[in-house]
Amino acid sequence: MSNLSKNAECILRILKTAESLTTTEILEAARAENFANLCADCAGGDTIAATANQLVERGLISRKFGKGGYRWQLVRQ
């Protein structure tokens, strides 16, 4: 993960805690104490969505549109 941004590392670590999460759920988790140091730059939904889309392009996570907006999940390899 060393070539990933802190935001990307943050999203990946959060997604390891659940099967899938919405952008809002990721943002809420990023504000939690256990992710505070790593996720300091995850200031808003736009930042989360942009970073998550970059991770989709790299094949690390997937996105599906559904109730509550986009749902993100790790790609199992």
PDB file of N, CA and C in Angstrom:
ATOM      1  N   MET A   1       0.813  -1.204   0.000  1.00  0.00           N
ATOM      2  CA  MET A   1       0.000   0.000   0.000  1.00  0.00           C
ATOM      3  C   MET A   1       0.852   1.262   0.000  1.00  0.00           C
ATOM      4  N   SER A   2       2.154   1.154   0.001  1.00  0.00           N
ATOM      5  CA  SER A   2       3.015   2.307   0.176  1.00  0.00           C
ATOM      6  C   SER A   2       2.873   3.345  -0.934  1.00  0.00           C
ATOM      7  N   ASN A   3       2.419   2.971  -2.115  1.00  0.00           N
ATOM      8  CA  ASN A   3       2.275   3.944  -3.192  1.00  0.00           C
ATOM      9  C   ASN A   3       0.872   4.541  -3.254  1.00  0.00           C
ATOM     10  N   LEU A   4       0.084   4.317  -2.231  1.00  0.00           N
ATOM     11  CA  LEU A   4      -1.261   4.878  -2.150  1.00  0.00           C
ATOM     12  C   LEU A   4      -1.265   6.123  -1.275  1.00  0.00           C
ATOM     13  N   SER A   5      -2.199   7.023  -1.562  1.00  0.00           N
ATOM     14  CA  SER A   5      -2.353   8.215  -0.722  1.00  0.00           C
ATOM     15  C   SER A   5      -2.903   7.815   0.643  1.00  0.00           C
ATOM     16  N   LYS A   6      -2.781   8.719   1.606  1.00  0.00           N
ATOM     17  CA  LYS A   6      -3.347   8.452   2.937  1.00  0.00           C
ATOM     18  C   LYS A   6      -4.859   8.257   2.841  1.00  0.00           C
ATOM     19  N   ASN A   7      -5.513   9.019   1.970  1.00  0.00           N
ATOM     20  CA  ASN A   7      -6.959   8.859   1.803  1.00  0.00           C
ATOM     21  C   ASN A   7      -7.291   7.468   1.278  1.00  0.00           C
ATOM     22  N   ALA A   8      -6.509   6.990   0.321  1.00  0.00           N
ATOM     23  CA  ALA A   8      -6.743   5.656  -0.237  1.00  0.00           C
ATOM     24  C   ALA A   8      -6.522   4.580   0.821  1.00  0.00           C
ATOM     25  N   GLU A   9      -5.448   4.710   1.588  1.00  0.00           N
ATOM     26  CA  GLU A   9      -5.186   3.754   2.666  1.00  0.00           C
ATOM     27  C   GLU A   9      -6.322   3.770   3.681  1.00  0.00           C
ATOM     28  N   CYS A  10      -6.818   4.955   3.984  1.00  0.00           N
ATOM     29  CA  CYS A  10      -7.930   5.114   4.917  1.00  0.00           C
ATOM     30  C   CYS A  10      -9.156   4.344   4.424  1.00  0.00           C
ATOM     31  N   ILE A  11      -9.534   4.558   3.184  1.00  0.00           N
ATOM     32  CA  ILE A  11     -10.717   3.898   2.630  1.00  0.00           C
ATOM     33  C   ILE A  11     -10.544   2.383   2.629  1.00  0.00           C
ATOM     34  N   LEU A  12      -9.379   1.911   2.225  1.00  0.00           N
ATOM     35  CA  LEU A  12      -9.141   0.468   2.204  1.00  0.00           C
ATOM     36  C   LEU A  12      -9.237  -0.137   3.601  1.00  0.00           C
ATOM     37  N   ARG A  13      -8.671   0.530   4.584  1.00  0.00           N
ATOM     38  CA  ARG A  13      -8.742   0.005   5.963  1.00  0.00           C
ATOM     39  C   ARG A  13     -10.168   0.001   6.487  1.00  0.00           C
ATOM     40  N   ILE A  14     -10.915   1.031   6.171  1.00  0.00           N
ATOM     41  CA  ILE A  14     -12.311   1.088   6.606  1.00  0.00           C
ATOM     42  C   ILE A  14     -13.117  -0.021   5.932  1.00  0.00           C
ATOM     43  N   LEU A  15     -12.902  -0.224   4.647  1.00  0.00           N
ATOM     44  CA  LEU A  15     -13.655  -1.250   3.930  1.00  0.00           C
ATOM     45  C   LEU A  15     -13.322  -2.661   4.403  1.00  0.00           C
ATOM     46  N   LYS A  16     -12.170  -2.842   5.026  1.00  0.00           N
ATOM     47  CA  LYS A  16     -11.825  -4.152   5.591  1.00  0.00           C
ATOM     48  C   LYS A  16     -12.704  -4.500   6.781  1.00  0.00           C
ATOM     49  N   THR A  17     -13.400  -3.499   7.334  1.00  0.00           N
ATOM     50  CA  THR A  17     -14.220  -3.725   8.524  1.00  0.00           C
ATOM     51  C   THR A  17     -15.658  -4.127   8.205  1.00  0.00           C
ATOM     52  N   ALA A  18     -16.044  -4.087   6.924  1.00  0.00           N
ATOM     53  CA  ALA A  18     -17.436  -4.375   6.553  1.00  0.00           C
ATOM     54  C   ALA A  18     -17.487  -4.966   5.153  1.00  0.00           C
ATOM     55  N   GLU A  19     -18.592  -5.613   4.835  1.00  0.00           N
ATOM     56  CA  GLU A  19     -18.745  -6.187   3.496  1.00  0.00           C
ATOM     57  C   GLU A  19     -18.825  -5.103   2.433  1.00  0.00           C
ATOM     58  N   SER A  20     -19.612  -4.067   2.692  1.00  0.00           N
ATOM     59  CA  SER A  20     -19.702  -2.914   1.801  1.00  0.00           C
ATOM     60  C   SER A  20     -20.231  -1.736   2.606  1.00  0.00           C
ATOM     61  N   LEU A  21     -19.871  -0.538   2.161  1.00  0.00           N
ATOM     62  CA  LEU A  21     -20.292   0.677   2.856  1.00  0.00           C
ATOM     63  C   LEU A  21     -20.642   1.751   1.841  1.00  0.00           C
ATOM     64  N   THR A  22     -21.572   2.638   2.222  1.00  0.00           N
ATOM     65  CA  THR A  22     -21.885   3.794   1.386  1.00  0.00           C
ATOM     66  C   THR A  22     -20.816   4.862   1.605  1.00  0.00           C
ATOM     67  N   THR A  23     -20.811   5.856   0.754  1.00  0.00           N
ATOM     68  CA  THR A  23     -19.879   6.972   0.904  1.00  0.00           C
ATOM     69  C   THR A  23     -20.069   7.632   2.267  1.00  0.00           C
ATOM     70  N   THR A  24     -21.315   7.824   2.667  1.00  0.00           N
ATOM     71  CA  THR A  24     -21.610   8.442   3.967  1.00  0.00           C
ATOM     72  C   THR A  24     -21.086   7.595   5.118  1.00  0.00           C
ATOM     73  N   GLU A  25     -21.250   6.281   5.024  1.00  0.00           N
ATOM     74  CA  GLU A  25     -20.757   5.393   6.080  1.00  0.00           C
ATOM     75  C   GLU A  25     -19.229   5.414   6.164  1.00  0.00           C
ATOM     76  N   ILE A  26     -18.569   5.498   5.018  1.00  0.00           N
ATOM     77  CA  ILE A  26     -17.105   5.599   5.025  1.00  0.00           C
ATOM     78  C   ILE A  26     -16.686   6.906   5.682  1.00  0.00           C
ATOM     79  N   LEU A  27     -17.359   7.987   5.344  1.00  0.00           N
ATOM     80  CA  LEU A  27     -17.045   9.294   5.929  1.00  0.00           C
ATOM     81  C   LEU A  27     -17.238   9.274   7.443  1.00  0.00           C
ATOM     82  N   GLU A  28     -18.315   8.675   7.908  1.00  0.00           N
ATOM     83  CA  GLU A  28     -18.552   8.569   9.350  1.00  0.00           C
ATOM     84  C   GLU A  28     -17.458   7.752  10.024  1.00  0.00           C
ATOM     85  N   ALA A  29     -17.063   6.652   9.408  1.00  0.00           N
ATOM     86  CA  ALA A  29     -15.997   5.817   9.971  1.00  0.00           C
ATOM     87  C   ALA A  29     -14.671   6.569   9.994  1.00  0.00           C
ATOM     88  N   ALA A  30     -14.396   7.356   8.958  1.00  0.00           N
ATOM     89  CA  ALA A  30     -13.144   8.115   8.880  1.00  0.00           C
ATOM     90  C   ALA A  30     -13.021   9.108  10.029  1.00  0.00           C
ATOM     91  N   ARG A  31     -14.138   9.556  10.547  1.00  0.00           N
ATOM     92  CA  ARG A  31     -14.136  10.511  11.658  1.00  0.00           C
ATOM     93  C   ARG A  31     -14.005   9.828  13.015  1.00  0.00           C
ATOM     94  N   ALA A  32     -14.095   8.501  13.031  1.00  0.00           N
ATOM     95  CA  ALA A  32     -14.009   7.756  14.285  1.00  0.00           C
ATOM     96  C   ALA A  32     -12.578   7.800  14.825  1.00  0.00           C
ATOM     97  N   GLU A  33     -12.452   7.663  16.116  1.00  0.00           N
ATOM     98  CA  GLU A  33     -11.166   7.782  16.789  1.00  0.00           C
ATOM     99  C   GLU A  33     -10.132   6.780  16.267  1.00  0.00           C
ATOM    100  N   ASN A  34     -10.549   5.554  15.951  1.00  0.00           N
ATOM    101  CA  ASN A  34      -9.585   4.543  15.535  1.00  0.00           C
ATOM    102  C   ASN A  34      -9.005   4.788  14.136  1.00  0.00           C
ATOM    103  N   PHE A  35      -9.614   5.671  13.350  1.00  0.00           N
ATOM    104  CA  PHE A  35      -9.086   6.009  12.033  1.00  0.00           C
ATOM    105  C   PHE A  35      -8.620   7.468  11.949  1.00  0.00           C
ATOM    106  N   ALA A  36      -8.692   8.201  13.030  1.00  0.00           N
ATOM    107  CA  ALA A  36      -8.436   9.647  13.023  1.00  0.00           C
ATOM    108  C   ALA A  36      -7.063  10.021  12.465  1.00  0.00           C
ATOM    109  N   ASN A  37      -6.013   9.322  12.843  1.00  0.00           N
ATOM    110  CA  ASN A  37      -4.666   9.683  12.369  1.00  0.00           C
ATOM    111  C   ASN A  37      -4.508   9.442  10.877  1.00  0.00           C
ATOM    112  N   LEU A  38      -4.979   8.318  10.392  1.00  0.00           N
ATOM    113  CA  LEU A  38      -4.827   7.969   8.985  1.00  0.00           C
ATOM    114  C   LEU A  38      -5.764   8.769   8.094  1.00  0.00           C
ATOM    115  N   CYS A  39      -6.953   9.055   8.566  1.00  0.00           N
ATOM    116  CA  CYS A  39      -7.998   9.649   7.735  1.00  0.00           C
ATOM    117  C   CYS A  39      -8.160  11.150   7.936  1.00  0.00           C
ATOM    118  N   ALA A  40      -7.127  11.817   8.340  1.00  0.00           N
ATOM    119  CA  ALA A  40      -7.215  13.248   8.643  1.00  0.00           C
ATOM    120  C   ALA A  40      -7.642  14.088   7.446  1.00  0.00           C
ATOM    121  N   ASP A  41      -7.317  13.662   6.233  1.00  0.00           N
ATOM    122  CA  ASP A  41      -7.649  14.445   5.035  1.00  0.00           C
ATOM    123  C   ASP A  41      -9.023  14.122   4.459  1.00  0.00           C
ATOM    124  N   CYS A  42      -9.696  13.123   4.985  1.00  0.00           N
ATOM    125  CA  CYS A  42     -11.012  12.723   4.458  1.00  0.00           C
ATOM    126  C   CYS A  42     -12.080  13.678   4.988  1.00  0.00           C
ATOM    127  N   ALA A  43     -12.071  14.895   4.468  1.00  0.00           N
ATOM    128  CA  ALA A  43     -12.894  15.968   5.016  1.00  0.00           C
ATOM    129  C   ALA A  43     -14.349  15.921   4.568  1.00  0.00           C
ATOM    130  N   GLY A  44     -14.632  15.335   3.422  1.00  0.00           N
ATOM    131  CA  GLY A  44     -16.000  15.355   2.939  1.00  0.00           C
ATOM    132  C   GLY A  44     -16.283  14.240   1.955  1.00  0.00           C
ATOM    133  N   GLY A  45     -17.544  14.129   1.613  1.00  0.00           N
ATOM    134  CA  GLY A  45     -17.981  13.090   0.697  1.00  0.00           C
ATOM    135  C   GLY A  45     -17.332  13.169  -0.665  1.00  0.00           C
ATOM    136  N   ASP A  46     -17.048  14.388  -1.142  1.00  0.00           N
ATOM    137  CA  ASP A  46     -16.398  14.533  -2.445  1.00  0.00           C
ATOM    138  C   ASP A  46     -15.000  13.925  -2.446  1.00  0.00           C
ATOM    139  N   THR A  47     -14.267  14.140  -1.361  1.00  0.00           N
ATOM    140  CA  THR A  47     -12.923  13.578  -1.233  1.00  0.00           C
ATOM    141  C   THR A  47     -12.984  12.056  -1.202  1.00  0.00           C
ATOM    142  N   ILE A  48     -13.932  11.530  -0.427  1.00  0.00           N
ATOM    143  CA  ILE A  48     -14.099  10.075  -0.328  1.00  0.00           C
ATOM    144  C   ILE A  48     -14.450   9.500  -1.692  1.00  0.00           C
ATOM    145  N   ALA A  49     -15.413  10.097  -2.372  1.00  0.00           N
ATOM    146  CA  ALA A  49     -15.863   9.586  -3.673  1.00  0.00           C
ATOM    147  C   ALA A  49     -14.740   9.643  -4.707  1.00  0.00           C
ATOM    148  N   ALA A  50     -14.007  10.735  -4.755  1.00  0.00           N
ATOM    149  CA  ALA A  50     -12.916  10.867  -5.728  1.00  0.00           C
ATOM    150  C   ALA A  50     -11.833   9.820  -5.478  1.00  0.00           C
ATOM    151  N   THR A  51     -11.463   9.653  -4.222  1.00  0.00           N
ATOM    152  CA  THR A  51     -10.433   8.668  -3.885  1.00  0.00           C
ATOM    153  C   THR A  51     -10.935   7.258  -4.149  1.00  0.00           C
ATOM    154  N   ALA A  52     -12.183   6.981  -3.780  1.00  0.00           N
ATOM    155  CA  ALA A  52     -12.748   5.654  -4.021  1.00  0.00           C
ATOM    156  C   ALA A  52     -12.803   5.353  -5.514  1.00  0.00           C
ATOM    157  N   ASN A  53     -13.142   6.334  -6.328  1.00  0.00           N
ATOM    158  CA  ASN A  53     -13.156   6.120  -7.781  1.00  0.00           C
ATOM    159  C   ASN A  53     -11.763   5.792  -8.309  1.00  0.00           C
ATOM    160  N   GLN A  54     -10.741   6.397  -7.746  1.00  0.00           N
ATOM    161  CA  GLN A  54      -9.370   6.066  -8.139  1.00  0.00           C
ATOM    162  C   GLN A  54      -9.046   4.615  -7.776  1.00  0.00           C
ATOM    163  N   LEU A  55      -9.534   4.176  -6.623  1.00  0.00           N
ATOM    164  CA  LEU A  55      -9.313   2.788  -6.211  1.00  0.00           C
ATOM    165  C   LEU A  55     -10.075   1.813  -7.107  1.00  0.00           C
ATOM    166  N   VAL A  56     -11.238   2.218  -7.594  1.00  0.00           N
ATOM    167  CA  VAL A  56     -11.988   1.398  -8.553  1.00  0.00           C
ATOM    168  C   VAL A  56     -11.166   1.246  -9.827  1.00  0.00           C
ATOM    169  N   GLU A  57     -10.613   2.350 -10.320  1.00  0.00           N
ATOM    170  CA  GLU A  57      -9.795   2.321 -11.535  1.00  0.00           C
ATOM    171  C   GLU A  57      -8.584   1.410 -11.387  1.00  0.00           C
ATOM    172  N   ARG A  58      -8.071   1.301 -10.180  1.00  0.00           N
ATOM    173  CA  ARG A  58      -6.907   0.431  -9.920  1.00  0.00           C
ATOM    174  C   ARG A  58      -7.329  -1.013  -9.657  1.00  0.00           C
ATOM    175  N   GLY A  59      -8.638  -1.258  -9.610  1.00  0.00           N
ATOM    176  CA  GLY A  59      -9.126  -2.618  -9.400  1.00  0.00           C
ATOM    177  C   GLY A  59      -9.078  -3.099  -7.963  1.00  0.00           C
ATOM    178  N   LEU A  60      -8.934  -2.172  -7.014  1.00  0.00           N
ATOM    179  CA  LEU A  60      -8.841  -2.552  -5.608  1.00  0.00           C
ATOM    180  C   LEU A  60     -10.197  -2.621  -4.915  1.00  0.00           C
ATOM    181  N   ILE A  61     -11.137  -1.798  -5.361  1.00  0.00           N
ATOM    182  CA  ILE A  61     -12.491  -1.833  -4.806  1.00  0.00           C
ATOM    183  C   ILE A  61     -13.490  -1.785  -5.954  1.00  0.00           C
ATOM    184  N   SER A  62     -14.748  -2.075  -5.628  1.00  0.00           N
ATOM    185  CA  SER A  62     -15.809  -1.979  -6.630  1.00  0.00           C
ATOM    186  C   SER A  62     -16.893  -1.053  -6.096  1.00  0.00           C
ATOM    187  N   ARG A  63     -17.734  -0.568  -7.006  1.00  0.00           N
ATOM    188  CA  ARG A  63     -18.827   0.313  -6.596  1.00  0.00           C
ATOM    189  C   ARG A  63     -20.097  -0.136  -7.290  1.00  0.00           C
ATOM    190  N   LYS A  64     -21.179  -0.013  -6.546  1.00  0.00           N
ATOM    191  CA  LYS A  64     -22.508  -0.289  -7.087  1.00  0.00           C
ATOM    192  C   LYS A  64     -23.433   0.804  -6.602  1.00  0.00           C
ATOM    193  N   PHE A  65     -24.322   1.246  -7.486  1.00  0.00           N
ATOM    194  CA  PHE A  65     -25.276   2.266  -7.087  1.00  0.00           C
ATOM    195  C   PHE A  65     -26.510   1.578  -6.545  1.00  0.00           C
ATOM    196  N   GLY A  66     -26.977   2.031  -5.418  1.00  0.00           N
ATOM    197  CA  GLY A  66     -28.156   1.443  -4.799  1.00  0.00           C
ATOM    198  C   GLY A  66     -28.771   2.404  -3.811  1.00  0.00           C
ATOM    199  N   LYS A  67     -29.600   1.867  -2.962  1.00  0.00           N
ATOM    200  CA  LYS A  67     -30.261   2.666  -1.939  1.00  0.00           C
ATOM    201  C   LYS A  67     -29.203   3.355  -1.073  1.00  0.00           C
ATOM    202  N   GLY A  68     -29.317   4.652  -0.944  1.00  0.00           N
ATOM    203  CA  GLY A  68     -28.362   5.410  -0.146  1.00  0.00           C
ATOM    204  C   GLY A  68     -27.154   5.885  -0.934  1.00  0.00           C
ATOM    205  N   GLY A  69     -27.150   5.675  -2.243  1.00  0.00           N
ATOM    206  CA  GLY A  69     -26.025   6.131  -3.064  1.00  0.00           C
ATOM    207  C   GLY A  69     -25.111   4.983  -3.441  1.00  0.00           C
ATOM    208  N   TYR A  70     -23.857   5.311  -3.707  1.00  0.00           N
ATOM    209  CA  TYR A  70     -22.891   4.288  -4.079  1.00  0.00           C
ATOM    210  C   TYR A  70     -22.514   3.456  -2.865  1.00  0.00           C
ATOM    211  N   ARG A  71     -22.369   2.150  -3.101  1.00  0.00           N
ATOM    212  CA  ARG A  71     -21.832   1.228  -2.098  1.00  0.00           C
ATOM    213  C   ARG A  71     -20.487   0.764  -2.608  1.00  0.00           C
ATOM    214  N   TRP A  72     -19.511   0.783  -1.740  1.00  0.00           N
ATOM    215  CA  TRP A  72     -18.131   0.438  -2.077  1.00  0.00           C
ATOM    216  C   TRP A  72     -17.762  -0.837  -1.339  1.00  0.00           C
ATOM    217  N   GLN A  73     -16.969  -1.685  -1.997  1.00  0.00           N
ATOM    218  CA  GLN A  73     -16.474  -2.860  -1.301  1.00  0.00           C
ATOM    219  C   GLN A  73     -15.132  -3.298  -1.890  1.00  0.00           C
ATOM    220  N   LEU A  74     -14.366  -3.988  -1.059  1.00  0.00           N
ATOM    221  CA  LEU A  74     -13.076  -4.484  -1.506  1.00  0.00           C
ATOM    222  C   LEU A  74     -13.265  -5.535  -2.576  1.00  0.00           C
ATOM    223  N   VAL A  75     -12.360  -5.558  -3.536  1.00  0.00           N
ATOM    224  CA  VAL A  75     -12.343  -6.618  -4.540  1.00  0.00           C
ATOM    225  C   VAL A  75     -11.535  -7.754  -3.943  1.00  0.00           C
ATOM    226  N   ARG A  76     -12.140  -8.894  -3.854  1.00  0.00           N
ATOM    227  CA  ARG A  76     -11.451 -10.074  -3.295  1.00  0.00           C
ATOM    228  C   ARG A  76     -10.564 -10.694  -4.352  1.00  0.00           C
ATOM    229  N   GLN A  77      -9.303 -10.864  -4.009  1.00  0.00           N
ATOM    230  CA  GLN A  77      -8.354 -11.420  -4.984  1.00  0.00           C
ATOM    231  C   GLN A  77      -7.814 -12.732  -4.525  1.00  0.00           C
TER     232      GLN A  77
END
